[in-house]
């Protein structure tokens, strides 16, 4: 019953006040409160980060693409250390500052990706590194790079063949490719 009351306090407390004041701050508070309430035996951090992301996405839809979880995983020991200190002190300030810094780094990462010019070599190398099937088609390649034309995809695949990364089999509509070098 205590956890239900704390959960209601969390949701009620975030309704208008904090979130209207500042979404980034509010999502950090929600994350910390879920960690503090600790309603589950396991997964409280993931649940906190999920709510944090959902709150951010409401205000900033691009938040869906932030590598926030990756940044937290890279700093997992620091994350738990700061969370423990915050719990001991009874103040969320250090935890919120840590999470805000991670959100800032995530947005910075996203901005850097958006402004970078991607080359044929970048695309083909990336595709070779992620594609795990035996064979693929130009259509499969284009699903990974939705912004390119079919002509650009064909040039990319030809470049991959010339560099010895992929091998072409078949012709025209029956063409498929095989990755030969990872």
N, C-alpha and C. Protein backbone atom coordinates (compact mmCIF):
# COMPACT_ATOMS: atom_id res chain seq x y z
N UNK A 1 0.82 -1.19 0.00
CA UNK A 1 0.00 0.00 0.00
C UNK A 1 0.87 1.26 0.00
N UNK A 2 1.99 1.18 0.69
CA UNK A 2 2.89 2.33 0.74
C UNK A 2 3.40 2.66 -0.66
N UNK A 3 3.78 1.63 -1.42
CA UNK A 3 4.30 1.86 -2.78
C UNK A 3 3.23 2.48 -3.66
N UNK A 4 1.98 2.02 -3.53
CA UNK A 4 0.90 2.60 -4.33
C UNK A 4 0.76 4.08 -4.01
N UNK A 5 0.80 4.43 -2.74
CA UNK A 5 0.71 5.83 -2.34
C UNK A 5 1.87 6.65 -2.86
N UNK A 6 3.07 6.08 -2.80
CA UNK A 6 4.25 6.79 -3.32
C UNK A 6 4.15 6.96 -4.83
N UNK A 7 3.65 5.93 -5.50
CA UNK A 7 3.47 6.02 -6.96
C UNK A 7 2.47 7.10 -7.33
N UNK A 8 1.36 7.16 -6.59
CA UNK A 8 0.36 8.20 -6.86
C UNK A 8 0.96 9.59 -6.60
N UNK A 9 1.77 9.70 -5.57
CA UNK A 9 2.43 10.97 -5.27
C UNK A 9 3.38 11.35 -6.40
N UNK A 10 4.08 10.36 -6.93
CA UNK A 10 5.00 10.63 -8.04
C UNK A 10 4.24 11.17 -9.24
N UNK A 11 3.22 10.45 -9.66
CA UNK A 11 2.46 10.86 -10.85
C UNK A 11 1.78 12.20 -10.61
N UNK A 12 1.16 12.35 -9.45
CA UNK A 12 0.50 13.62 -9.12
C UNK A 12 1.48 14.77 -9.08
N UNK A 13 2.64 14.53 -8.51
CA UNK A 13 3.66 15.57 -8.37
C UNK A 13 4.25 16.00 -9.70
N UNK A 14 4.18 15.15 -10.69
CA UNK A 14 4.75 15.50 -11.99
C UNK A 14 3.72 16.04 -12.96
N UNK A 15 2.45 15.90 -12.59
CA UNK A 15 1.39 16.29 -13.50
C UNK A 15 1.54 17.65 -14.12
N UNK A 16 1.43 18.70 -13.36
CA UNK A 16 1.45 20.04 -13.91
C UNK A 16 2.70 20.79 -13.49
N UNK A 17 3.02 20.71 -12.23
CA UNK A 17 4.09 21.51 -11.66
C UNK A 17 5.43 21.39 -12.33
N UNK A 18 6.16 20.33 -12.04
CA UNK A 18 7.53 20.19 -12.51
C UNK A 18 7.61 20.11 -14.03
N UNK A 19 6.73 19.34 -14.64
CA UNK A 19 6.80 19.18 -16.10
C UNK A 19 6.49 20.48 -16.83
N UNK A 20 5.57 21.27 -16.28
CA UNK A 20 5.28 22.55 -16.91
C UNK A 20 6.47 23.49 -16.76
N UNK A 21 7.18 23.36 -15.64
CA UNK A 21 8.34 24.21 -15.38
C UNK A 21 9.47 23.89 -16.33
N UNK A 22 9.85 22.63 -16.44
CA UNK A 22 10.97 22.25 -17.30
C UNK A 22 10.93 20.74 -17.53
N UNK A 23 10.71 20.37 -18.75
CA UNK A 23 10.57 18.96 -19.10
C UNK A 23 11.84 18.16 -18.79
N UNK A 24 13.00 18.69 -19.13
CA UNK A 24 14.25 17.96 -18.88
C UNK A 24 14.46 17.73 -17.39
N UNK A 25 14.22 18.75 -16.61
CA UNK A 25 14.35 18.62 -15.15
C UNK A 25 13.29 17.64 -14.63
N UNK A 26 12.06 17.79 -15.10
CA UNK A 26 10.96 16.93 -14.64
C UNK A 26 11.20 15.46 -14.93
N UNK A 27 11.75 15.15 -16.10
CA UNK A 27 11.99 13.74 -16.43
C UNK A 27 13.08 13.15 -15.54
N UNK A 28 14.04 13.98 -15.14
CA UNK A 28 15.09 13.52 -14.22
C UNK A 28 14.52 13.26 -12.84
N UNK A 29 13.61 14.14 -12.40
CA UNK A 29 12.96 13.95 -11.11
C UNK A 29 12.14 12.65 -11.13
N UNK A 30 11.41 12.43 -12.22
CA UNK A 30 10.63 11.19 -12.34
C UNK A 30 11.53 9.97 -12.26
N UNK A 31 12.63 10.02 -12.97
CA UNK A 31 13.61 8.92 -12.96
C UNK A 31 14.09 8.66 -11.53
N UNK A 32 14.49 9.71 -10.85
CA UNK A 32 14.99 9.56 -9.48
C UNK A 32 13.91 9.03 -8.54
N UNK A 33 12.70 9.57 -8.66
CA UNK A 33 11.62 9.15 -7.76
C UNK A 33 11.29 7.67 -7.95
N UNK A 34 11.31 7.20 -9.19
CA UNK A 34 11.05 5.78 -9.43
C UNK A 34 12.16 4.95 -8.80
N UNK A 35 13.40 5.39 -8.95
CA UNK A 35 14.52 4.70 -8.30
C UNK A 35 14.36 4.72 -6.78
N UNK A 36 13.94 5.85 -6.25
CA UNK A 36 13.80 6.02 -4.81
C UNK A 36 12.67 5.16 -4.24
N UNK A 37 11.52 5.19 -4.92
CA UNK A 37 10.37 4.38 -4.48
C UNK A 37 10.69 2.90 -4.58
N UNK A 38 11.42 2.54 -5.62
CA UNK A 38 11.88 1.17 -5.84
C UNK A 38 10.71 0.16 -5.77
N UNK A 39 9.72 0.33 -6.66
CA UNK A 39 8.52 -0.52 -6.58
C UNK A 39 8.70 -1.97 -7.05
N UNK A 40 9.79 -2.28 -7.72
CA UNK A 40 9.98 -3.62 -8.26
C UNK A 40 11.21 -4.28 -7.65
N UNK A 41 11.25 -5.58 -7.69
CA UNK A 41 12.42 -6.32 -7.21
C UNK A 41 13.63 -6.05 -8.12
N UNK A 42 13.35 -5.91 -9.40
CA UNK A 42 14.41 -5.68 -10.39
C UNK A 42 13.85 -4.78 -11.48
N UNK A 43 14.72 -4.05 -12.14
CA UNK A 43 14.31 -3.26 -13.29
C UNK A 43 13.86 -1.84 -12.97
N UNK A 44 14.08 -1.36 -11.76
CA UNK A 44 13.65 -0.01 -11.39
C UNK A 44 14.39 1.05 -12.21
N UNK A 45 15.68 0.84 -12.45
CA UNK A 45 16.45 1.79 -13.26
C UNK A 45 15.93 1.85 -14.68
N UNK A 46 15.67 0.67 -15.27
CA UNK A 46 15.12 0.64 -16.63
C UNK A 46 13.76 1.32 -16.68
N UNK A 47 12.94 1.08 -15.64
CA UNK A 47 11.62 1.71 -15.60
C UNK A 47 11.76 3.23 -15.45
N UNK A 48 12.70 3.67 -14.63
CA UNK A 48 12.94 5.10 -14.48
C UNK A 48 13.39 5.74 -15.78
N UNK A 49 14.30 5.05 -16.48
CA UNK A 49 14.79 5.58 -17.75
C UNK A 49 13.70 5.55 -18.82
N UNK A 50 12.82 4.55 -18.77
CA UNK A 50 11.70 4.49 -19.71
C UNK A 50 10.79 5.70 -19.50
N UNK A 51 10.39 5.95 -18.25
CA UNK A 51 9.52 7.09 -17.98
C UNK A 51 10.22 8.39 -18.35
N UNK A 52 11.50 8.46 -18.09
CA UNK A 52 12.27 9.65 -18.44
C UNK A 52 12.18 9.89 -19.94
N UNK A 53 12.42 8.84 -20.72
CA UNK A 53 12.37 8.96 -22.18
C UNK A 53 10.97 9.32 -22.66
N UNK A 54 9.94 8.71 -22.09
CA UNK A 54 8.57 9.02 -22.51
C UNK A 54 8.22 10.48 -22.23
N UNK A 55 8.65 10.98 -21.07
CA UNK A 55 8.39 12.39 -20.74
C UNK A 55 9.13 13.30 -21.71
N UNK A 56 10.39 12.97 -21.99
CA UNK A 56 11.17 13.78 -22.95
C UNK A 56 10.54 13.75 -24.34
N UNK A 57 10.09 12.57 -24.75
CA UNK A 57 9.51 12.42 -26.09
C UNK A 57 8.25 13.26 -26.25
N UNK A 58 7.52 13.43 -25.17
CA UNK A 58 6.30 14.23 -25.23
C UNK A 58 6.63 15.68 -25.63
N UNK A 59 7.71 16.20 -25.07
CA UNK A 59 8.10 17.58 -25.37
C UNK A 59 9.04 17.67 -26.58
N UNK A 60 9.90 16.67 -26.70
CA UNK A 60 10.92 16.66 -27.76
C UNK A 60 10.88 15.31 -28.48
N UNK A 61 10.07 15.19 -29.53
CA UNK A 61 9.91 13.90 -30.21
C UNK A 61 11.22 13.25 -30.66
N UNK A 62 12.24 14.05 -30.95
CA UNK A 62 13.53 13.48 -31.38
C UNK A 62 14.22 12.71 -30.25
N UNK A 63 13.72 12.86 -29.03
CA UNK A 63 14.31 12.15 -27.90
C UNK A 63 14.27 10.64 -28.10
N UNK A 64 13.36 10.18 -28.94
CA UNK A 64 13.27 8.75 -29.26
C UNK A 64 14.60 8.22 -29.78
N UNK A 65 15.38 9.08 -30.43
CA UNK A 65 16.61 8.64 -31.08
C UNK A 65 17.86 8.91 -30.25
N UNK A 66 17.68 9.40 -29.04
CA UNK A 66 18.85 9.70 -28.19
C UNK A 66 19.52 8.41 -27.72
N UNK A 67 20.84 8.38 -27.71
CA UNK A 67 21.57 7.19 -27.23
C UNK A 67 21.74 7.22 -25.71
N UNK A 68 20.69 7.63 -25.00
CA UNK A 68 20.77 7.82 -23.56
C UNK A 68 21.16 6.53 -22.84
N UNK A 69 20.52 5.43 -23.18
CA UNK A 69 20.82 4.14 -22.52
C UNK A 69 22.28 3.74 -22.72
N UNK A 70 22.82 4.00 -23.89
CA UNK A 70 24.22 3.68 -24.18
C UNK A 70 25.15 4.49 -23.28
N UNK A 71 24.85 5.76 -23.13
CA UNK A 71 25.68 6.63 -22.29
C UNK A 71 25.62 6.17 -20.84
N UNK A 72 24.43 5.84 -20.36
CA UNK A 72 24.29 5.35 -18.98
C UNK A 72 25.03 4.03 -18.80
N UNK A 73 24.93 3.15 -19.79
CA UNK A 73 25.63 1.85 -19.69
C UNK A 73 27.15 2.06 -19.62
N UNK A 74 27.66 3.01 -20.41
CA UNK A 74 29.10 3.29 -20.39
C UNK A 74 29.55 3.84 -19.03
N UNK A 75 28.64 4.47 -18.32
CA UNK A 75 28.96 5.07 -17.01
C UNK A 75 28.17 4.40 -15.88
N UNK A 76 27.89 3.13 -16.05
CA UNK A 76 27.01 2.44 -15.12
C UNK A 76 27.49 2.50 -13.67
N UNK A 77 28.78 2.31 -13.44
CA UNK A 77 29.27 2.34 -12.06
C UNK A 77 29.11 3.74 -11.47
N UNK A 78 29.37 4.77 -12.25
CA UNK A 78 29.19 6.14 -11.77
C UNK A 78 27.71 6.43 -11.51
N UNK A 79 26.84 5.91 -12.38
CA UNK A 79 25.39 6.06 -12.23
C UNK A 79 24.94 5.51 -10.87
N UNK A 80 25.35 4.27 -10.56
CA UNK A 80 24.94 3.66 -9.30
C UNK A 80 25.59 4.34 -8.09
N UNK A 81 26.81 4.78 -8.26
CA UNK A 81 27.51 5.47 -7.17
C UNK A 81 26.80 6.78 -6.82
N UNK A 82 26.44 7.55 -7.83
CA UNK A 82 25.75 8.83 -7.61
C UNK A 82 24.34 8.59 -7.07
N UNK A 83 23.68 7.56 -7.56
CA UNK A 83 22.35 7.23 -7.05
C UNK A 83 22.42 6.87 -5.56
N UNK A 84 23.41 6.08 -5.18
CA UNK A 84 23.57 5.69 -3.78
C UNK A 84 23.87 6.91 -2.91
N UNK A 85 24.76 7.79 -3.36
CA UNK A 85 25.08 9.01 -2.60
C UNK A 85 23.83 9.88 -2.44
N UNK A 86 23.06 10.01 -3.49
CA UNK A 86 21.84 10.81 -3.43
C UNK A 86 20.87 10.22 -2.41
N UNK A 87 20.73 8.91 -2.42
CA UNK A 87 19.86 8.23 -1.45
C UNK A 87 20.35 8.46 -0.02
N UNK A 88 21.64 8.33 0.19
CA UNK A 88 22.21 8.52 1.53
C UNK A 88 22.02 9.95 2.03
N UNK A 89 22.21 10.92 1.14
CA UNK A 89 22.07 12.32 1.51
C UNK A 89 20.62 12.77 1.58
N UNK A 90 19.74 11.98 0.96
CA UNK A 90 18.33 12.37 0.91
C UNK A 90 18.09 13.55 -0.03
N UNK A 91 19.01 13.76 -0.96
CA UNK A 91 18.90 14.85 -1.93
C UNK A 91 19.16 14.29 -3.33
N UNK A 92 18.34 14.69 -4.26
CA UNK A 92 18.48 14.17 -5.63
C UNK A 92 19.36 15.04 -6.52
N UNK A 93 19.93 16.10 -5.98
CA UNK A 93 20.66 17.09 -6.77
C UNK A 93 21.76 16.48 -7.63
N UNK A 94 22.63 15.66 -7.02
CA UNK A 94 23.75 15.08 -7.77
C UNK A 94 23.26 14.13 -8.86
N UNK A 95 22.25 13.34 -8.53
CA UNK A 95 21.69 12.40 -9.51
C UNK A 95 21.08 13.17 -10.69
N UNK A 96 20.30 14.20 -10.38
CA UNK A 96 19.67 14.99 -11.45
C UNK A 96 20.73 15.66 -12.31
N UNK A 97 21.79 16.19 -11.70
CA UNK A 97 22.87 16.81 -12.47
C UNK A 97 23.54 15.78 -13.39
N UNK A 98 23.76 14.57 -12.87
CA UNK A 98 24.37 13.50 -13.67
C UNK A 98 23.48 13.14 -14.87
N UNK A 99 22.18 12.98 -14.61
CA UNK A 99 21.25 12.60 -15.68
C UNK A 99 21.11 13.74 -16.70
N UNK A 100 21.04 14.99 -16.22
CA UNK A 100 20.97 16.12 -17.16
C UNK A 100 22.21 16.16 -18.05
N UNK A 101 23.37 15.88 -17.49
CA UNK A 101 24.61 15.86 -18.29
C UNK A 101 24.54 14.75 -19.34
N UNK A 102 23.99 13.59 -18.97
CA UNK A 102 23.85 12.48 -19.92
C UNK A 102 22.85 12.83 -21.03
N UNK A 103 21.77 13.51 -20.67
CA UNK A 103 20.79 13.95 -21.68
C UNK A 103 21.45 14.95 -22.62
N UNK A 104 22.20 15.88 -22.05
CA UNK A 104 22.90 16.88 -22.86
C UNK A 104 23.87 16.20 -23.83
N UNK A 105 24.62 15.24 -23.33
CA UNK A 105 25.56 14.51 -24.19
C UNK A 105 24.81 13.75 -25.28
N UNK A 106 23.65 13.20 -24.95
CA UNK A 106 22.83 12.48 -25.93
C UNK A 106 22.37 13.41 -27.05
N UNK A 107 21.88 14.59 -26.67
CA UNK A 107 21.45 15.56 -27.68
C UNK A 107 22.63 16.01 -28.53
N UNK A 108 23.77 16.22 -27.90
CA UNK A 108 24.97 16.62 -28.62
C UNK A 108 25.35 15.56 -29.65
N UNK A 109 25.30 14.30 -29.25
CA UNK A 109 25.59 13.18 -30.14
C UNK A 109 24.63 13.19 -31.34
N UNK A 110 23.34 13.38 -31.05
CA UNK A 110 22.34 13.39 -32.11
C UNK A 110 22.58 14.55 -33.07
N UNK A 111 22.91 15.71 -32.55
CA UNK A 111 23.18 16.86 -33.41
C UNK A 111 24.39 16.63 -34.30
N UNK A 112 25.42 16.00 -33.76
CA UNK A 112 26.62 15.72 -34.55
C UNK A 112 26.34 14.74 -35.67
N UNK A 113 25.50 13.76 -35.43
CA UNK A 113 25.15 12.80 -36.47
C UNK A 113 24.36 13.49 -37.57
N UNK A 114 23.43 14.35 -37.19
CA UNK A 114 22.57 15.02 -38.16
C UNK A 114 23.35 15.94 -39.09
N UNK A 115 24.47 16.51 -38.62
CA UNK A 115 25.19 17.47 -39.44
C UNK A 115 26.34 16.84 -40.21
N UNK A 116 26.61 15.58 -39.97
CA UNK A 116 27.71 14.91 -40.64
C UNK A 116 27.27 14.46 -42.04
N UNK A 117 28.13 14.66 -43.01
CA UNK A 117 27.86 14.20 -44.37
C UNK A 117 28.29 12.74 -44.45
N UNK A 118 27.36 11.89 -44.85
CA UNK A 118 27.63 10.46 -44.93
C UNK A 118 28.04 10.13 -46.36
N UNK A 119 29.17 9.46 -46.50
CA UNK A 119 29.68 9.12 -47.81
C UNK A 119 29.26 7.70 -48.21
N UNK A 120 29.51 7.38 -49.47
CA UNK A 120 29.26 6.03 -49.96
C UNK A 120 30.02 5.02 -49.11
N UNK A 121 31.27 5.31 -48.84
CA UNK A 121 32.09 4.39 -48.04
C UNK A 121 31.54 4.23 -46.63
N UNK A 122 31.07 5.33 -46.02
CA UNK A 122 30.46 5.26 -44.69
C UNK A 122 29.25 4.32 -44.70
N UNK A 123 28.38 4.51 -45.70
CA UNK A 123 27.16 3.70 -45.75
C UNK A 123 27.47 2.23 -45.96
N UNK A 124 28.31 1.90 -46.91
CA UNK A 124 28.58 0.49 -47.22
C UNK A 124 29.29 -0.19 -46.05
N UNK A 125 30.23 0.53 -45.42
CA UNK A 125 30.93 -0.06 -44.26
C UNK A 125 29.97 -0.28 -43.09
N UNK A 126 29.08 0.67 -42.86
CA UNK A 126 28.10 0.51 -41.80
C UNK A 126 27.19 -0.69 -42.08
N UNK A 127 26.69 -0.78 -43.31
CA UNK A 127 25.79 -1.88 -43.67
C UNK A 127 26.47 -3.23 -43.50
N UNK A 128 27.70 -3.33 -43.97
CA UNK A 128 28.46 -4.59 -43.83
C UNK A 128 28.62 -4.96 -42.35
N UNK A 129 28.76 -3.96 -41.49
CA UNK A 129 28.97 -4.24 -40.07
C UNK A 129 27.70 -4.68 -39.35
N UNK A 130 26.52 -4.29 -39.86
CA UNK A 130 25.28 -4.62 -39.14
C UNK A 130 24.46 -5.74 -39.76
N UNK A 131 24.61 -5.98 -41.06
CA UNK A 131 23.75 -6.96 -41.72
C UNK A 131 24.22 -8.38 -41.41
N UNK A 132 23.32 -9.21 -40.92
CA UNK A 132 23.70 -10.55 -40.43
C UNK A 132 23.18 -11.71 -41.27
N UNK A 133 22.38 -11.44 -42.29
CA UNK A 133 21.83 -12.51 -43.13
C UNK A 133 22.88 -12.97 -44.16
N UNK A 134 22.63 -14.10 -44.81
CA UNK A 134 23.54 -14.60 -45.83
C UNK A 134 23.53 -13.73 -47.09
N UNK A 135 22.33 -13.35 -47.51
CA UNK A 135 22.19 -12.56 -48.73
C UNK A 135 21.28 -11.36 -48.48
N UNK A 136 21.43 -10.34 -49.32
CA UNK A 136 20.55 -9.17 -49.24
C UNK A 136 20.34 -8.61 -50.64
N UNK A 137 19.32 -7.78 -50.75
CA UNK A 137 19.00 -7.14 -52.02
C UNK A 137 19.22 -5.63 -51.89
N UNK A 138 19.13 -4.95 -53.01
CA UNK A 138 19.24 -3.48 -52.98
C UNK A 138 18.11 -2.92 -52.11
N UNK A 139 16.96 -3.54 -52.16
CA UNK A 139 15.82 -3.10 -51.35
C UNK A 139 16.16 -3.19 -49.85
N UNK A 140 16.82 -4.27 -49.43
CA UNK A 140 17.25 -4.40 -48.03
C UNK A 140 18.20 -3.26 -47.66
N UNK A 141 19.11 -2.97 -48.57
CA UNK A 141 20.09 -1.90 -48.35
C UNK A 141 19.37 -0.56 -48.19
N UNK A 142 18.39 -0.32 -49.03
CA UNK A 142 17.66 0.95 -49.00
C UNK A 142 16.77 1.08 -47.76
N UNK A 143 16.37 -0.02 -47.15
CA UNK A 143 15.61 0.05 -45.91
C UNK A 143 16.48 0.59 -44.77
N UNK A 144 17.76 0.33 -44.85
CA UNK A 144 18.69 0.85 -43.85
C UNK A 144 18.95 2.33 -44.07
N UNK A 145 19.01 2.74 -45.33
CA UNK A 145 19.30 4.13 -45.68
C UNK A 145 18.11 4.70 -46.45
N UNK A 146 17.08 5.04 -45.72
CA UNK A 146 15.82 5.48 -46.32
C UNK A 146 15.93 6.77 -47.13
N UNK A 147 16.96 7.56 -46.86
CA UNK A 147 17.07 8.86 -47.51
C UNK A 147 17.75 8.80 -48.88
N UNK A 148 18.27 7.65 -49.28
CA UNK A 148 18.98 7.59 -50.57
C UNK A 148 18.07 7.07 -51.68
N UNK A 149 18.41 7.43 -52.90
CA UNK A 149 17.65 6.99 -54.07
C UNK A 149 18.12 5.59 -54.48
N UNK A 150 17.38 4.95 -55.36
CA UNK A 150 17.78 3.62 -55.83
C UNK A 150 19.09 3.73 -56.64
N UNK A 151 19.28 4.84 -57.36
CA UNK A 151 20.53 5.03 -58.11
C UNK A 151 21.73 5.13 -57.16
N UNK A 152 21.55 5.87 -56.07
CA UNK A 152 22.63 5.99 -55.08
C UNK A 152 22.92 4.63 -54.45
N UNK A 153 21.87 3.87 -54.16
CA UNK A 153 22.06 2.53 -53.59
C UNK A 153 22.84 1.66 -54.56
N UNK A 154 22.51 1.73 -55.83
CA UNK A 154 23.23 0.94 -56.84
C UNK A 154 24.70 1.34 -56.90
N UNK A 155 24.98 2.64 -56.84
CA UNK A 155 26.38 3.11 -56.84
C UNK A 155 27.11 2.63 -55.58
N UNK A 156 26.43 2.69 -54.45
CA UNK A 156 27.03 2.22 -53.20
C UNK A 156 27.40 0.74 -53.30
N UNK A 157 26.47 -0.05 -53.82
CA UNK A 157 26.70 -1.50 -53.92
C UNK A 157 27.82 -1.81 -54.91
N UNK A 158 27.89 -1.04 -55.98
CA UNK A 158 29.00 -1.23 -56.93
C UNK A 158 30.32 -0.89 -56.25
N UNK A 159 30.34 0.17 -55.47
CA UNK A 159 31.53 0.56 -54.71
C UNK A 159 31.94 -0.58 -53.76
N UNK A 160 30.96 -1.17 -53.09
CA UNK A 160 31.22 -2.29 -52.18
C UNK A 160 31.84 -3.49 -52.90
N UNK A 161 31.37 -3.74 -54.12
CA UNK A 161 31.95 -4.83 -54.92
C UNK A 161 33.40 -4.51 -55.29
N UNK A 162 33.63 -3.27 -55.73
CA UNK A 162 34.98 -2.87 -56.13
C UNK A 162 35.97 -2.93 -54.97
N UNK A 163 35.48 -2.67 -53.77
CA UNK A 163 36.34 -2.71 -52.58
C UNK A 163 36.47 -4.12 -52.00
N UNK A 164 35.78 -5.09 -52.61
CA UNK A 164 35.87 -6.47 -52.16
C UNK A 164 35.10 -6.75 -50.88
N UNK A 165 34.10 -5.91 -50.58
CA UNK A 165 33.30 -6.10 -49.36
C UNK A 165 32.09 -6.98 -49.60
N UNK A 166 31.53 -6.87 -50.82
CA UNK A 166 30.34 -7.66 -51.16
C UNK A 166 30.53 -8.27 -52.54
N UNK A 167 29.72 -9.27 -52.78
CA UNK A 167 29.76 -10.00 -54.05
C UNK A 167 28.35 -10.00 -54.63
N UNK A 168 28.25 -9.71 -55.92
CA UNK A 168 26.97 -9.68 -56.61
C UNK A 168 26.69 -11.04 -57.23
N UNK A 169 25.43 -11.48 -57.09
CA UNK A 169 25.00 -12.74 -57.70
C UNK A 169 23.68 -12.49 -58.42
N UNK A 170 23.55 -12.99 -59.62
CA UNK A 170 22.33 -12.81 -60.40
C UNK A 170 22.36 -11.51 -61.18
N UNK A 171 21.23 -11.25 -61.85
CA UNK A 171 21.14 -10.06 -62.69
C UNK A 171 19.74 -9.47 -62.61
N UNK A 172 19.65 -8.18 -62.80
CA UNK A 172 18.40 -7.41 -62.81
C UNK A 172 17.54 -7.71 -61.59
N UNK A 173 16.32 -8.18 -61.80
CA UNK A 173 15.39 -8.41 -60.68
C UNK A 173 15.81 -9.56 -59.77
N UNK A 174 16.69 -10.40 -60.24
CA UNK A 174 17.13 -11.56 -59.46
C UNK A 174 18.46 -11.29 -58.74
N UNK A 175 18.92 -10.05 -58.79
CA UNK A 175 20.22 -9.72 -58.17
C UNK A 175 20.13 -9.79 -56.65
N UNK A 176 21.13 -10.43 -56.08
CA UNK A 176 21.28 -10.42 -54.62
C UNK A 176 22.78 -10.28 -54.34
N UNK A 177 23.07 -9.89 -53.14
CA UNK A 177 24.45 -9.63 -52.74
C UNK A 177 24.80 -10.42 -51.50
N UNK A 178 26.07 -10.72 -51.40
CA UNK A 178 26.59 -11.45 -50.24
C UNK A 178 27.76 -10.69 -49.67
N UNK A 179 27.77 -10.54 -48.37
CA UNK A 179 28.89 -9.87 -47.71
C UNK A 179 30.03 -10.87 -47.61
N UNK A 180 31.19 -10.47 -48.12
CA UNK A 180 32.33 -11.41 -48.09
C UNK A 180 33.42 -10.96 -47.14
N UNK A 181 33.34 -9.72 -46.66
CA UNK A 181 34.36 -9.22 -45.75
C UNK A 181 33.71 -8.39 -44.66
N UNK A 182 33.88 -8.82 -43.42
CA UNK A 182 33.32 -8.06 -42.28
C UNK A 182 34.38 -7.21 -41.66
